[in-house]
N, C-alpha and C. Protein backbone atom coordinates (compact mmCIF):
# COMPACT_ATOMS: atom_id res chain seq x y z
N MET A 1 -0.85 7.18 17.20
CA MET A 1 -0.35 7.52 15.88
C MET A 1 -0.80 6.44 14.90
N PRO A 2 -1.30 6.84 13.75
CA PRO A 2 -1.77 5.84 12.78
C PRO A 2 -0.63 5.01 12.20
N TYR A 3 -0.96 3.77 11.88
CA TYR A 3 -0.02 2.88 11.21
C TYR A 3 -0.43 2.84 9.74
N ARG A 4 0.41 3.42 8.89
CA ARG A 4 0.11 3.57 7.47
C ARG A 4 0.97 2.64 6.63
N VAL A 5 0.33 2.05 5.62
CA VAL A 5 1.00 1.22 4.63
C VAL A 5 0.73 1.86 3.28
N GLY A 6 1.71 1.80 2.37
CA GLY A 6 1.54 2.39 1.04
C GLY A 6 1.33 1.34 -0.03
N ILE A 7 0.68 1.76 -1.10
CA ILE A 7 0.53 0.95 -2.31
C ILE A 7 0.91 1.83 -3.49
N ILE A 8 1.84 1.37 -4.31
CA ILE A 8 2.22 2.08 -5.54
C ILE A 8 1.83 1.18 -6.70
N THR A 9 0.94 1.70 -7.58
CA THR A 9 0.34 0.88 -8.62
C THR A 9 0.87 1.11 -10.02
N THR A 10 1.79 2.04 -10.19
CA THR A 10 2.31 2.38 -11.51
C THR A 10 3.80 2.66 -11.42
N HIS A 11 4.41 2.88 -12.59
CA HIS A 11 5.80 3.38 -12.59
C HIS A 11 5.79 4.68 -11.79
N THR A 12 6.68 4.78 -10.86
CA THR A 12 6.73 5.94 -9.98
C THR A 12 8.19 6.37 -9.85
N PRO A 13 8.43 7.67 -9.84
CA PRO A 13 9.82 8.14 -9.72
C PRO A 13 10.52 7.56 -8.48
N ARG A 14 11.78 7.27 -8.67
CA ARG A 14 12.62 6.69 -7.62
C ARG A 14 12.51 7.44 -6.30
N GLU A 15 12.59 8.77 -6.36
CA GLU A 15 12.57 9.56 -5.13
C GLU A 15 11.23 9.44 -4.39
N VAL A 16 10.14 9.25 -5.11
CA VAL A 16 8.83 9.07 -4.47
C VAL A 16 8.78 7.72 -3.76
N ILE A 17 9.22 6.67 -4.45
CA ILE A 17 9.23 5.34 -3.84
C ILE A 17 10.11 5.32 -2.59
N LEU A 18 11.32 5.82 -2.71
CA LEU A 18 12.25 5.79 -1.57
C LEU A 18 11.75 6.67 -0.43
N GLY A 19 11.14 7.80 -0.76
CA GLY A 19 10.58 8.67 0.28
C GLY A 19 9.47 7.99 1.04
N MET A 20 8.59 7.31 0.31
CA MET A 20 7.51 6.59 0.98
C MET A 20 8.07 5.45 1.83
N ALA A 21 9.06 4.73 1.29
CA ALA A 21 9.63 3.59 2.01
C ALA A 21 10.36 4.00 3.28
N LYS A 22 10.74 5.26 3.40
CA LYS A 22 11.35 5.75 4.64
C LYS A 22 10.29 6.05 5.70
N ARG A 23 9.04 6.33 5.26
CA ARG A 23 7.97 6.69 6.18
C ARG A 23 7.06 5.54 6.55
N MET A 24 7.00 4.50 5.68
CA MET A 24 6.06 3.40 5.88
C MET A 24 6.52 2.21 5.07
N HIS A 25 5.89 1.07 5.29
CA HIS A 25 6.14 -0.06 4.41
C HIS A 25 5.25 0.13 3.19
N VAL A 26 5.83 -0.05 2.01
CA VAL A 26 5.09 0.21 0.77
C VAL A 26 5.09 -1.03 -0.11
N TRP A 27 3.92 -1.34 -0.66
CA TRP A 27 3.75 -2.44 -1.61
C TRP A 27 3.80 -1.82 -2.99
N VAL A 28 4.76 -2.27 -3.81
CA VAL A 28 5.05 -1.63 -5.09
C VAL A 28 4.82 -2.62 -6.22
N LEU A 29 4.08 -2.17 -7.23
CA LEU A 29 3.85 -3.00 -8.40
C LEU A 29 5.19 -3.34 -9.05
N ASP A 30 5.41 -4.61 -9.27
CA ASP A 30 6.64 -5.09 -9.88
C ASP A 30 6.58 -4.85 -11.38
N ASN A 31 7.41 -3.93 -11.85
CA ASN A 31 7.56 -3.70 -13.29
C ASN A 31 9.01 -3.32 -13.55
N ARG A 32 9.37 -3.20 -14.82
CA ARG A 32 10.78 -2.98 -15.16
C ARG A 32 11.34 -1.67 -14.62
N ASP A 33 10.48 -0.70 -14.33
CA ASP A 33 10.95 0.58 -13.79
C ASP A 33 11.06 0.57 -12.27
N ASN A 34 10.09 -0.04 -11.61
CA ASN A 34 10.08 -0.04 -10.15
C ASN A 34 11.03 -1.07 -9.53
N ARG A 35 11.20 -2.22 -10.21
CA ARG A 35 12.01 -3.31 -9.65
C ARG A 35 13.42 -2.86 -9.27
N PRO A 36 14.18 -2.16 -10.13
CA PRO A 36 15.54 -1.77 -9.72
C PRO A 36 15.57 -0.86 -8.49
N VAL A 37 14.56 -0.03 -8.35
CA VAL A 37 14.50 0.85 -7.17
C VAL A 37 14.34 0.01 -5.91
N ILE A 38 13.43 -0.96 -5.96
CA ILE A 38 13.18 -1.80 -4.79
C ILE A 38 14.39 -2.70 -4.51
N GLN A 39 15.02 -3.22 -5.55
CA GLN A 39 16.21 -4.05 -5.34
C GLN A 39 17.32 -3.25 -4.68
N SER A 40 17.46 -1.98 -5.04
CA SER A 40 18.48 -1.15 -4.37
C SER A 40 18.11 -0.93 -2.91
N LEU A 41 16.84 -0.79 -2.63
CA LEU A 41 16.39 -0.64 -1.26
C LEU A 41 16.64 -1.92 -0.47
N TRP A 42 16.36 -3.06 -1.09
CA TRP A 42 16.61 -4.33 -0.42
C TRP A 42 18.08 -4.48 -0.07
N GLY A 43 18.97 -3.91 -0.88
CA GLY A 43 20.39 -3.97 -0.61
C GLY A 43 20.79 -3.26 0.67
N THR A 44 19.93 -2.37 1.17
CA THR A 44 20.22 -1.65 2.41
C THR A 44 19.79 -2.43 3.64
N GLY A 45 19.08 -3.56 3.44
CA GLY A 45 18.66 -4.39 4.56
C GLY A 45 17.34 -4.01 5.19
N SER A 46 16.61 -3.05 4.61
CA SER A 46 15.36 -2.62 5.23
C SER A 46 14.12 -3.22 4.57
N ALA A 47 14.29 -4.20 3.71
CA ALA A 47 13.16 -4.73 2.94
C ALA A 47 12.12 -5.43 3.81
N PHE A 48 12.51 -6.04 4.89
CA PHE A 48 11.58 -6.85 5.65
C PHE A 48 11.10 -6.18 6.93
N ASP A 49 11.34 -4.92 7.06
CA ASP A 49 10.87 -4.15 8.20
C ASP A 49 9.40 -3.79 7.95
N LEU A 50 8.51 -4.16 8.85
CA LEU A 50 7.09 -3.86 8.66
C LEU A 50 6.76 -2.40 8.89
N GLU A 51 7.67 -1.63 9.43
CA GLU A 51 7.45 -0.21 9.65
C GLU A 51 7.87 0.63 8.44
N ARG A 52 8.90 0.18 7.75
CA ARG A 52 9.44 0.86 6.57
C ARG A 52 9.92 -0.21 5.60
N GLY A 53 10.29 0.22 4.40
CA GLY A 53 10.78 -0.75 3.44
C GLY A 53 9.76 -1.00 2.35
N ALA A 54 9.93 -2.12 1.64
CA ALA A 54 9.06 -2.35 0.48
C ALA A 54 8.88 -3.82 0.19
N THR A 55 7.74 -4.11 -0.42
CA THR A 55 7.40 -5.42 -0.94
C THR A 55 6.98 -5.23 -2.39
N LEU A 56 7.51 -6.04 -3.29
CA LEU A 56 7.04 -6.02 -4.67
C LEU A 56 5.84 -6.95 -4.80
N PHE A 57 4.83 -6.52 -5.57
CA PHE A 57 3.72 -7.41 -5.88
C PHE A 57 3.50 -7.42 -7.38
N SER A 58 3.14 -8.57 -7.92
CA SER A 58 2.90 -8.67 -9.36
C SER A 58 1.50 -9.19 -9.66
N SER A 59 0.81 -9.65 -8.65
CA SER A 59 -0.54 -10.15 -8.85
C SER A 59 -1.44 -9.50 -7.81
N PRO A 60 -2.47 -8.85 -8.27
CA PRO A 60 -2.90 -8.68 -9.65
C PRO A 60 -2.04 -7.64 -10.36
N PRO A 61 -1.85 -7.80 -11.68
CA PRO A 61 -0.99 -6.87 -12.42
C PRO A 61 -1.60 -5.48 -12.58
N ARG A 62 -2.92 -5.41 -12.53
CA ARG A 62 -3.60 -4.11 -12.57
C ARG A 62 -4.68 -4.15 -11.50
N LEU A 63 -4.89 -3.05 -10.86
CA LEU A 63 -5.94 -2.96 -9.84
C LEU A 63 -7.15 -2.30 -10.47
N GLU A 64 -7.98 -3.12 -11.11
CA GLU A 64 -9.15 -2.57 -11.81
C GLU A 64 -10.47 -3.07 -11.23
N THR A 65 -10.52 -4.33 -10.84
CA THR A 65 -11.78 -4.91 -10.39
C THR A 65 -11.82 -5.00 -8.87
N HIS A 66 -13.00 -5.26 -8.37
CA HIS A 66 -13.18 -5.49 -6.93
C HIS A 66 -12.29 -6.65 -6.48
N ALA A 67 -12.26 -7.73 -7.26
CA ALA A 67 -11.44 -8.90 -6.91
C ALA A 67 -9.95 -8.55 -6.88
N ASP A 68 -9.49 -7.71 -7.81
CA ASP A 68 -8.09 -7.28 -7.82
C ASP A 68 -7.75 -6.57 -6.51
N TRP A 69 -8.58 -5.61 -6.14
CA TRP A 69 -8.33 -4.84 -4.91
C TRP A 69 -8.44 -5.74 -3.68
N MET A 70 -9.42 -6.64 -3.66
CA MET A 70 -9.58 -7.54 -2.51
C MET A 70 -8.33 -8.40 -2.33
N SER A 71 -7.77 -8.89 -3.42
CA SER A 71 -6.58 -9.73 -3.35
C SER A 71 -5.42 -8.99 -2.70
N LEU A 72 -5.20 -7.76 -3.11
CA LEU A 72 -4.07 -7.00 -2.56
C LEU A 72 -4.34 -6.57 -1.11
N ILE A 73 -5.54 -6.09 -0.83
CA ILE A 73 -5.85 -5.66 0.54
C ILE A 73 -5.78 -6.84 1.50
N GLU A 74 -6.22 -8.01 1.05
CA GLU A 74 -6.12 -9.20 1.88
C GLU A 74 -4.65 -9.52 2.21
N ALA A 75 -3.78 -9.42 1.22
CA ALA A 75 -2.35 -9.68 1.46
C ALA A 75 -1.78 -8.66 2.45
N ILE A 76 -2.16 -7.42 2.31
CA ILE A 76 -1.69 -6.38 3.24
C ILE A 76 -2.21 -6.66 4.64
N GLU A 77 -3.47 -7.05 4.76
CA GLU A 77 -4.03 -7.38 6.07
C GLU A 77 -3.30 -8.56 6.71
N VAL A 78 -2.92 -9.56 5.91
CA VAL A 78 -2.20 -10.71 6.44
C VAL A 78 -0.87 -10.27 7.05
N HIS A 79 -0.18 -9.33 6.41
CA HIS A 79 1.15 -8.92 6.87
C HIS A 79 1.13 -7.74 7.84
N HIS A 80 0.10 -6.91 7.78
CA HIS A 80 0.09 -5.68 8.58
C HIS A 80 -1.17 -5.53 9.43
N GLY A 81 -2.06 -6.52 9.40
CA GLY A 81 -3.33 -6.44 10.11
C GLY A 81 -3.24 -6.83 11.57
N GLU A 82 -4.41 -6.97 12.18
CA GLU A 82 -4.49 -7.17 13.63
C GLU A 82 -3.81 -8.44 14.14
N TYR A 83 -3.64 -9.45 13.29
CA TYR A 83 -3.03 -10.71 13.74
C TYR A 83 -1.52 -10.75 13.52
N SER A 84 -0.96 -9.72 12.89
CA SER A 84 0.48 -9.75 12.62
C SER A 84 1.22 -8.47 12.99
N HIS A 85 0.52 -7.43 13.35
CA HIS A 85 1.20 -6.18 13.70
C HIS A 85 0.40 -5.44 14.76
N HIS A 86 1.13 -4.85 15.70
CA HIS A 86 0.47 -4.00 16.70
C HIS A 86 1.10 -2.63 16.67
N PRO A 87 0.34 -1.59 16.41
CA PRO A 87 -1.08 -1.61 16.07
C PRO A 87 -1.29 -2.10 14.64
N PRO A 88 -2.50 -2.56 14.32
CA PRO A 88 -2.77 -2.99 12.94
C PRO A 88 -2.88 -1.79 12.00
N VAL A 89 -2.69 -2.06 10.72
CA VAL A 89 -2.79 -1.00 9.72
C VAL A 89 -4.16 -0.33 9.82
N ASP A 90 -4.13 1.01 9.85
CA ASP A 90 -5.39 1.74 9.86
C ASP A 90 -5.44 2.83 8.80
N GLU A 91 -4.37 2.96 8.01
CA GLU A 91 -4.35 3.88 6.88
C GLU A 91 -3.59 3.24 5.72
N ILE A 92 -4.11 3.43 4.51
CA ILE A 92 -3.43 2.97 3.31
C ILE A 92 -3.32 4.15 2.35
N GLU A 93 -2.11 4.46 1.97
CA GLU A 93 -1.85 5.55 1.01
C GLU A 93 -1.60 4.92 -0.36
N VAL A 94 -2.43 5.27 -1.33
CA VAL A 94 -2.35 4.70 -2.67
C VAL A 94 -1.80 5.76 -3.62
N VAL A 95 -0.78 5.38 -4.39
CA VAL A 95 -0.20 6.25 -5.40
C VAL A 95 -0.39 5.59 -6.75
N GLY A 96 -0.96 6.33 -7.70
CA GLY A 96 -1.07 5.84 -9.07
C GLY A 96 -2.41 5.26 -9.44
N ALA A 97 -3.37 5.30 -8.54
CA ALA A 97 -4.70 4.76 -8.85
C ALA A 97 -5.75 5.68 -8.23
N PRO A 98 -6.88 5.84 -8.91
CA PRO A 98 -7.95 6.65 -8.34
C PRO A 98 -8.75 5.86 -7.32
N ALA A 99 -9.52 6.58 -6.55
CA ALA A 99 -10.44 5.94 -5.60
C ALA A 99 -11.67 5.49 -6.38
N SER A 100 -11.48 4.46 -7.18
CA SER A 100 -12.55 3.94 -8.03
C SER A 100 -13.58 3.20 -7.19
N THR A 101 -14.73 2.94 -7.77
CA THR A 101 -15.77 2.20 -7.06
C THR A 101 -15.27 0.83 -6.60
N PRO A 102 -14.59 0.04 -7.46
CA PRO A 102 -14.07 -1.25 -6.97
C PRO A 102 -13.09 -1.10 -5.81
N ALA A 103 -12.23 -0.08 -5.87
CA ALA A 103 -11.26 0.14 -4.79
C ALA A 103 -11.98 0.50 -3.50
N VAL A 104 -12.89 1.44 -3.57
CA VAL A 104 -13.60 1.90 -2.38
C VAL A 104 -14.40 0.76 -1.75
N HIS A 105 -15.07 -0.04 -2.56
CA HIS A 105 -15.86 -1.15 -2.02
C HIS A 105 -14.96 -2.19 -1.35
N ALA A 106 -13.86 -2.54 -1.99
CA ALA A 106 -12.95 -3.53 -1.40
C ALA A 106 -12.36 -3.00 -0.09
N LEU A 107 -11.91 -1.77 -0.10
CA LEU A 107 -11.33 -1.19 1.12
C LEU A 107 -12.36 -1.11 2.24
N SER A 108 -13.59 -0.78 1.90
CA SER A 108 -14.62 -0.68 2.94
C SER A 108 -14.91 -2.04 3.57
N GLU A 109 -14.75 -3.12 2.81
CA GLU A 109 -14.95 -4.46 3.38
C GLU A 109 -13.92 -4.78 4.46
N TYR A 110 -12.79 -4.10 4.42
CA TYR A 110 -11.77 -4.26 5.45
C TYR A 110 -11.78 -3.11 6.46
N GLY A 111 -12.83 -2.29 6.41
CA GLY A 111 -12.99 -1.24 7.40
C GLY A 111 -12.42 0.11 7.02
N PHE A 112 -11.83 0.25 5.86
CA PHE A 112 -11.27 1.53 5.41
C PHE A 112 -12.40 2.32 4.74
N ARG A 113 -13.05 3.19 5.50
CA ARG A 113 -14.24 3.86 4.99
C ARG A 113 -14.06 5.35 4.76
N ASP A 114 -13.01 5.94 5.28
CA ASP A 114 -12.75 7.36 5.09
C ASP A 114 -11.75 7.51 3.95
N ILE A 115 -12.18 8.02 2.81
CA ILE A 115 -11.34 8.14 1.61
C ILE A 115 -11.08 9.61 1.33
N THR A 116 -9.81 9.97 1.18
CA THR A 116 -9.41 11.34 0.87
C THR A 116 -8.56 11.32 -0.39
N GLN A 117 -8.95 12.10 -1.38
CA GLN A 117 -8.18 12.21 -2.62
C GLN A 117 -6.86 12.92 -2.33
N SER A 118 -5.83 12.55 -3.07
CA SER A 118 -4.54 13.24 -2.99
C SER A 118 -4.09 13.58 -4.40
N ASP A 119 -2.99 14.28 -4.52
CA ASP A 119 -2.47 14.66 -5.84
C ASP A 119 -2.12 13.46 -6.70
N HIS A 120 -1.72 12.36 -6.07
CA HIS A 120 -1.23 11.20 -6.82
C HIS A 120 -2.08 9.95 -6.63
N GLY A 121 -3.19 10.05 -5.93
CA GLY A 121 -4.03 8.89 -5.67
C GLY A 121 -5.03 9.21 -4.57
N PHE A 122 -4.94 8.45 -3.47
CA PHE A 122 -5.85 8.69 -2.35
C PHE A 122 -5.33 8.02 -1.09
N VAL A 123 -5.92 8.39 0.04
CA VAL A 123 -5.63 7.77 1.32
C VAL A 123 -6.93 7.21 1.86
N ALA A 124 -6.89 5.96 2.33
CA ALA A 124 -8.05 5.30 2.92
C ALA A 124 -7.75 5.07 4.41
N ARG A 125 -8.72 5.43 5.25
CA ARG A 125 -8.51 5.31 6.70
C ARG A 125 -9.67 4.53 7.33
N LYS A 126 -9.33 3.80 8.39
CA LYS A 126 -10.35 3.20 9.22
C LYS A 126 -10.80 4.27 10.21
N PRO A 127 -12.10 4.32 10.50
CA PRO A 127 -12.55 5.32 11.49
C PRO A 127 -11.91 5.09 12.84
N SER A 128 -11.67 6.15 13.56
CA SER A 128 -11.10 6.06 14.91
C SER A 128 -12.12 5.42 15.85
N PRO A 129 -11.66 4.52 16.71
CA PRO A 129 -12.59 3.95 17.69
C PRO A 129 -13.01 5.04 18.67
N LEU A 130 -14.23 4.97 19.10
CA LEU A 130 -14.73 5.98 20.04
C LEU A 130 -14.28 5.74 21.44
């Protein structure tokens, strides 16, 4: 079964954030709309579960450049990659950002080469080992 981590890059409805946080660990852009949702989730004690829960991130504040995406993907790899989680993250679900050229290039540097558009963003997957 794939190990999926989420990224939310914009103001997102409470029910979407909480729904994702029940299915996976989600990294959520820290802003005035998202912060109260995550703080309420932290109050339930599930904030530090690598399988579910949420982490707020504020840097980079926008995911526009290759360097912005590399910074965030590197942080996710540190917490959910092969040296810190078994199995390591092999899918990333992005809400609020397109599969832009900088995003695709940064993700591919970490092995996420299969990109599928979704209604609210995209999903990036590492190819299955043969």
